[in-house]
Amino acid sequence: TRAPVALFPPRSTPNSVGASPWADDELLVALWGPIARTVVRVSVTAAGDNATGSYEVFLNGLQNPQHLLVLPDRSLLVSDFSAGKIYQIRQK
């Protein structure tokens, strides 16, 4: 068994995981739970055949983020289940 790449807050569910369209060594994760209702950015570092990582909040203020989709123009769609909305995020 390998150690986890990142540990999220208790009772949070990673609903969607995808490669960041803006950085090769980052994943974006939609977290849904009573505490974490965010999209986090996980910075991943390869170490041989293992990987380590840390996360930071990328997008907050959501009710229940559910799906992530990267579009060909490198923007990101984020669906918010409870709000009934889809947000489009672009890099500055």
N, C-alpha and C. Protein backbone atom coordinates (compact mmCIF):
# COMPACT_ATOMS: atom_id res chain seq x y z
N THR A 1 0.84 -1.18 0.00
CA THR A 1 0.00 0.00 0.00
C THR A 1 0.88 1.24 0.00
N ARG A 2 0.49 2.19 -0.78
CA ARG A 2 1.23 3.45 -0.84
C ARG A 2 0.51 4.53 -0.05
N ALA A 3 1.28 5.49 0.37
CA ALA A 3 0.71 6.63 1.10
C ALA A 3 -0.14 7.47 0.15
N PRO A 4 -1.17 8.13 0.65
CA PRO A 4 -1.97 8.99 -0.23
C PRO A 4 -1.16 10.19 -0.72
N VAL A 5 -1.50 10.64 -1.89
CA VAL A 5 -0.85 11.83 -2.44
C VAL A 5 -1.31 13.08 -1.70
N ALA A 6 -2.58 13.12 -1.31
CA ALA A 6 -3.12 14.26 -0.56
C ALA A 6 -4.20 13.76 0.38
N LEU A 7 -4.31 14.38 1.54
CA LEU A 7 -5.36 14.08 2.51
C LEU A 7 -6.32 15.26 2.56
N PHE A 8 -7.60 14.98 2.38
CA PHE A 8 -8.62 16.03 2.37
C PHE A 8 -9.32 16.07 3.72
N PRO A 9 -10.09 17.13 3.99
CA PRO A 9 -10.80 17.23 5.27
C PRO A 9 -11.70 16.01 5.51
N PRO A 10 -11.91 15.65 6.78
CA PRO A 10 -12.79 14.52 7.09
C PRO A 10 -14.18 14.72 6.48
N ARG A 11 -14.77 13.63 6.03
CA ARG A 11 -16.13 13.58 5.48
C ARG A 11 -16.28 14.37 4.18
N SER A 12 -15.18 14.65 3.51
CA SER A 12 -15.27 15.28 2.19
C SER A 12 -15.13 14.19 1.13
N THR A 13 -15.88 14.32 0.06
CA THR A 13 -15.87 13.34 -1.01
C THR A 13 -15.30 13.97 -2.26
N PRO A 14 -14.21 13.40 -2.80
CA PRO A 14 -13.71 13.89 -4.09
C PRO A 14 -14.64 13.41 -5.20
N ASN A 15 -15.44 14.31 -5.74
CA ASN A 15 -16.42 13.95 -6.77
C ASN A 15 -15.83 13.91 -8.16
N SER A 16 -14.85 14.73 -8.42
CA SER A 16 -14.26 14.79 -9.75
C SER A 16 -12.79 15.15 -9.60
N VAL A 17 -11.96 14.46 -10.36
CA VAL A 17 -10.52 14.71 -10.36
C VAL A 17 -10.09 14.87 -11.81
N GLY A 18 -9.33 15.92 -12.08
CA GLY A 18 -8.85 16.13 -13.44
C GLY A 18 -7.52 16.85 -13.45
N ALA A 19 -6.82 16.70 -14.56
CA ALA A 19 -5.55 17.41 -14.72
C ALA A 19 -5.82 18.89 -14.91
N SER A 20 -5.02 19.71 -14.27
CA SER A 20 -5.16 21.16 -14.43
C SER A 20 -4.80 21.54 -15.86
N PRO A 21 -5.59 22.40 -16.49
CA PRO A 21 -5.23 22.83 -17.84
C PRO A 21 -4.11 23.86 -17.85
N TRP A 22 -3.68 24.31 -16.66
CA TRP A 22 -2.70 25.40 -16.58
C TRP A 22 -1.36 24.98 -16.01
N ALA A 23 -1.25 23.78 -15.45
CA ALA A 23 0.01 23.34 -14.85
C ALA A 23 0.13 21.82 -14.99
N ASP A 24 1.26 21.36 -15.48
CA ASP A 24 1.46 19.92 -15.71
C ASP A 24 1.53 19.10 -14.43
N ASP A 25 1.90 19.72 -13.32
CA ASP A 25 2.09 18.96 -12.08
C ASP A 25 0.95 19.19 -11.08
N GLU A 26 -0.21 19.57 -11.58
CA GLU A 26 -1.34 19.83 -10.69
C GLU A 26 -2.59 19.07 -11.11
N LEU A 27 -3.35 18.65 -10.10
CA LEU A 27 -4.67 18.09 -10.30
C LEU A 27 -5.69 19.05 -9.70
N LEU A 28 -6.88 19.05 -10.24
CA LEU A 28 -7.98 19.80 -9.66
C LEU A 28 -9.00 18.79 -9.15
N VAL A 29 -9.49 19.00 -7.93
CA VAL A 29 -10.39 18.05 -7.29
C VAL A 29 -11.61 18.80 -6.75
N ALA A 30 -12.80 18.36 -7.14
CA ALA A 30 -14.04 18.91 -6.59
C ALA A 30 -14.37 18.14 -5.32
N LEU A 31 -14.46 18.84 -4.20
CA LEU A 31 -14.78 18.22 -2.91
C LEU A 31 -16.20 18.58 -2.49
N TRP A 32 -16.94 17.57 -2.07
CA TRP A 32 -18.32 17.75 -1.62
C TRP A 32 -18.43 17.15 -0.24
N GLY A 33 -18.89 17.91 0.70
CA GLY A 33 -19.08 17.40 2.06
C GLY A 33 -19.59 18.49 2.97
N PRO A 34 -19.83 18.15 4.23
CA PRO A 34 -20.37 19.14 5.15
C PRO A 34 -19.38 20.26 5.49
N ILE A 35 -18.09 20.00 5.33
CA ILE A 35 -17.07 20.99 5.65
C ILE A 35 -16.47 21.57 4.37
N ALA A 36 -16.00 20.69 3.50
CA ALA A 36 -15.31 21.11 2.28
C ALA A 36 -16.28 21.14 1.11
N ARG A 37 -16.56 22.31 0.61
CA ARG A 37 -17.40 22.48 -0.58
C ARG A 37 -16.63 23.37 -1.54
N THR A 38 -15.53 22.84 -1.99
CA THR A 38 -14.58 23.63 -2.76
C THR A 38 -14.01 22.82 -3.92
N VAL A 39 -13.28 23.51 -4.76
CA VAL A 39 -12.39 22.87 -5.72
C VAL A 39 -10.99 23.18 -5.22
N VAL A 40 -10.18 22.14 -5.07
CA VAL A 40 -8.82 22.33 -4.59
C VAL A 40 -7.84 22.01 -5.70
N ARG A 41 -6.67 22.61 -5.59
CA ARG A 41 -5.56 22.38 -6.50
C ARG A 41 -4.54 21.53 -5.75
N VAL A 42 -4.23 20.35 -6.29
CA VAL A 42 -3.27 19.45 -5.67
C VAL A 42 -1.97 19.52 -6.46
N SER A 43 -0.91 20.02 -5.84
CA SER A 43 0.41 20.04 -6.47
C SER A 43 1.06 18.69 -6.22
N VAL A 44 1.44 18.01 -7.28
CA VAL A 44 1.97 16.65 -7.19
C VAL A 44 3.45 16.66 -7.54
N THR A 45 4.24 15.99 -6.69
CA THR A 45 5.67 15.84 -6.93
C THR A 45 5.99 14.36 -7.04
N ALA A 46 6.57 13.96 -8.17
CA ALA A 46 6.96 12.56 -8.35
C ALA A 46 8.26 12.30 -7.61
N ALA A 47 8.32 11.15 -6.94
CA ALA A 47 9.52 10.73 -6.21
C ALA A 47 9.75 9.26 -6.50
N GLY A 48 10.48 8.98 -7.58
CA GLY A 48 10.64 7.59 -8.00
C GLY A 48 9.31 7.05 -8.50
N ASP A 49 8.88 5.91 -7.93
CA ASP A 49 7.59 5.38 -8.33
C ASP A 49 6.48 5.76 -7.34
N ASN A 50 6.74 6.74 -6.50
CA ASN A 50 5.75 7.29 -5.58
C ASN A 50 5.48 8.75 -5.94
N ALA A 51 4.47 9.30 -5.33
CA ALA A 51 4.16 10.72 -5.51
C ALA A 51 3.71 11.30 -4.19
N THR A 52 4.02 12.55 -3.98
CA THR A 52 3.55 13.27 -2.81
C THR A 52 2.85 14.53 -3.29
N GLY A 53 2.04 15.09 -2.44
CA GLY A 53 1.34 16.29 -2.85
C GLY A 53 0.79 17.07 -1.69
N SER A 54 0.40 18.27 -1.99
CA SER A 54 -0.27 19.12 -1.02
C SER A 54 -1.36 19.86 -1.77
N TYR A 55 -2.37 20.30 -1.03
CA TYR A 55 -3.46 20.99 -1.73
C TYR A 55 -3.71 22.36 -1.13
N GLU A 56 -4.33 23.20 -1.95
CA GLU A 56 -4.79 24.51 -1.51
C GLU A 56 -6.13 24.78 -2.18
N VAL A 57 -6.93 25.59 -1.56
CA VAL A 57 -8.24 25.92 -2.12
C VAL A 57 -8.03 26.72 -3.41
N PHE A 58 -8.68 26.28 -4.46
CA PHE A 58 -8.63 26.94 -5.76
C PHE A 58 -9.90 27.77 -5.98
N LEU A 59 -11.05 27.23 -5.59
CA LEU A 59 -12.33 27.89 -5.82
C LEU A 59 -13.24 27.56 -4.65
N ASN A 60 -13.74 28.59 -3.97
CA ASN A 60 -14.67 28.34 -2.87
C ASN A 60 -15.95 29.13 -3.08
N GLY A 61 -16.87 29.04 -2.14
CA GLY A 61 -18.15 29.71 -2.28
C GLY A 61 -19.17 28.89 -3.04
N LEU A 62 -18.87 27.62 -3.28
CA LEU A 62 -19.79 26.73 -3.98
C LEU A 62 -20.66 26.00 -2.96
N GLN A 63 -21.82 25.50 -3.41
CA GLN A 63 -22.67 24.73 -2.52
C GLN A 63 -22.29 23.26 -2.55
N ASN A 64 -22.26 22.66 -3.71
CA ASN A 64 -21.87 21.26 -3.86
C ASN A 64 -21.20 21.05 -5.21
N PRO A 65 -19.90 21.36 -5.33
CA PRO A 65 -19.22 21.15 -6.61
C PRO A 65 -19.23 19.67 -6.97
N GLN A 66 -19.51 19.39 -8.22
CA GLN A 66 -19.66 17.99 -8.58
C GLN A 66 -18.78 17.54 -9.74
N HIS A 67 -18.78 18.24 -10.85
CA HIS A 67 -18.03 17.79 -12.02
C HIS A 67 -17.08 18.87 -12.51
N LEU A 68 -15.94 18.41 -13.03
CA LEU A 68 -14.95 19.29 -13.64
C LEU A 68 -14.74 18.84 -15.07
N LEU A 69 -14.64 19.78 -15.98
CA LEU A 69 -14.38 19.46 -17.38
C LEU A 69 -13.50 20.53 -17.98
N VAL A 70 -12.37 20.12 -18.53
CA VAL A 70 -11.46 21.04 -19.22
C VAL A 70 -11.89 21.11 -20.69
N LEU A 71 -12.05 22.32 -21.19
CA LEU A 71 -12.44 22.54 -22.58
C LEU A 71 -11.20 22.73 -23.46
N PRO A 72 -11.35 22.58 -24.78
CA PRO A 72 -10.20 22.74 -25.68
C PRO A 72 -9.49 24.09 -25.56
N ASP A 73 -10.22 25.16 -25.15
CA ASP A 73 -9.58 26.47 -25.00
C ASP A 73 -8.85 26.61 -23.66
N ARG A 74 -8.73 25.51 -22.91
CA ARG A 74 -8.05 25.42 -21.62
C ARG A 74 -8.80 26.15 -20.50
N SER A 75 -10.07 26.39 -20.69
CA SER A 75 -10.89 26.88 -19.58
C SER A 75 -11.47 25.66 -18.86
N LEU A 76 -12.03 25.89 -17.69
CA LEU A 76 -12.53 24.82 -16.84
C LEU A 76 -14.00 25.05 -16.55
N LEU A 77 -14.82 24.02 -16.75
CA LEU A 77 -16.22 24.07 -16.34
C LEU A 77 -16.36 23.37 -15.00
N VAL A 78 -17.10 24.00 -14.08
CA VAL A 78 -17.35 23.43 -12.75
C VAL A 78 -18.86 23.44 -12.53
N SER A 79 -19.44 22.27 -12.30
CA SER A 79 -20.87 22.23 -12.00
C SER A 79 -21.08 22.29 -10.50
N ASP A 80 -22.13 23.00 -10.10
CA ASP A 80 -22.51 23.12 -8.69
C ASP A 80 -23.92 22.53 -8.56
N PHE A 81 -24.00 21.33 -8.02
CA PHE A 81 -25.23 20.55 -7.96
C PHE A 81 -26.37 21.30 -7.28
N SER A 82 -26.17 21.75 -6.06
CA SER A 82 -27.25 22.37 -5.30
C SER A 82 -27.67 23.72 -5.87
N ALA A 83 -26.73 24.44 -6.43
CA ALA A 83 -27.03 25.76 -7.00
C ALA A 83 -27.64 25.66 -8.39
N GLY A 84 -27.48 24.50 -9.04
CA GLY A 84 -27.99 24.34 -10.39
C GLY A 84 -27.27 25.21 -11.40
N LYS A 85 -25.96 25.38 -11.20
CA LYS A 85 -25.17 26.27 -12.05
C LYS A 85 -23.93 25.56 -12.59
N ILE A 86 -23.45 26.06 -13.71
CA ILE A 86 -22.16 25.65 -14.26
C ILE A 86 -21.34 26.92 -14.43
N TYR A 87 -20.15 26.91 -13.85
CA TYR A 87 -19.25 28.06 -13.93
C TYR A 87 -18.13 27.75 -14.93
N GLN A 88 -17.71 28.77 -15.67
CA GLN A 88 -16.56 28.64 -16.56
C GLN A 88 -15.43 29.47 -15.99
N ILE A 89 -14.29 28.83 -15.76
CA ILE A 89 -13.12 29.47 -15.16
C ILE A 89 -12.03 29.56 -16.22
N ARG A 90 -11.46 30.75 -16.35
CA ARG A 90 -10.34 30.97 -17.28
C ARG A 90 -9.14 31.48 -16.51
N GLN A 91 -7.96 31.14 -17.01
CA GLN A 91 -6.73 31.65 -16.41
C GLN A 91 -6.58 33.12 -16.76
N LYS A 92 -6.06 33.90 -15.82
CA LYS A 92 -5.84 35.34 -16.07
C LYS A 92 -4.76 35.54 -17.09
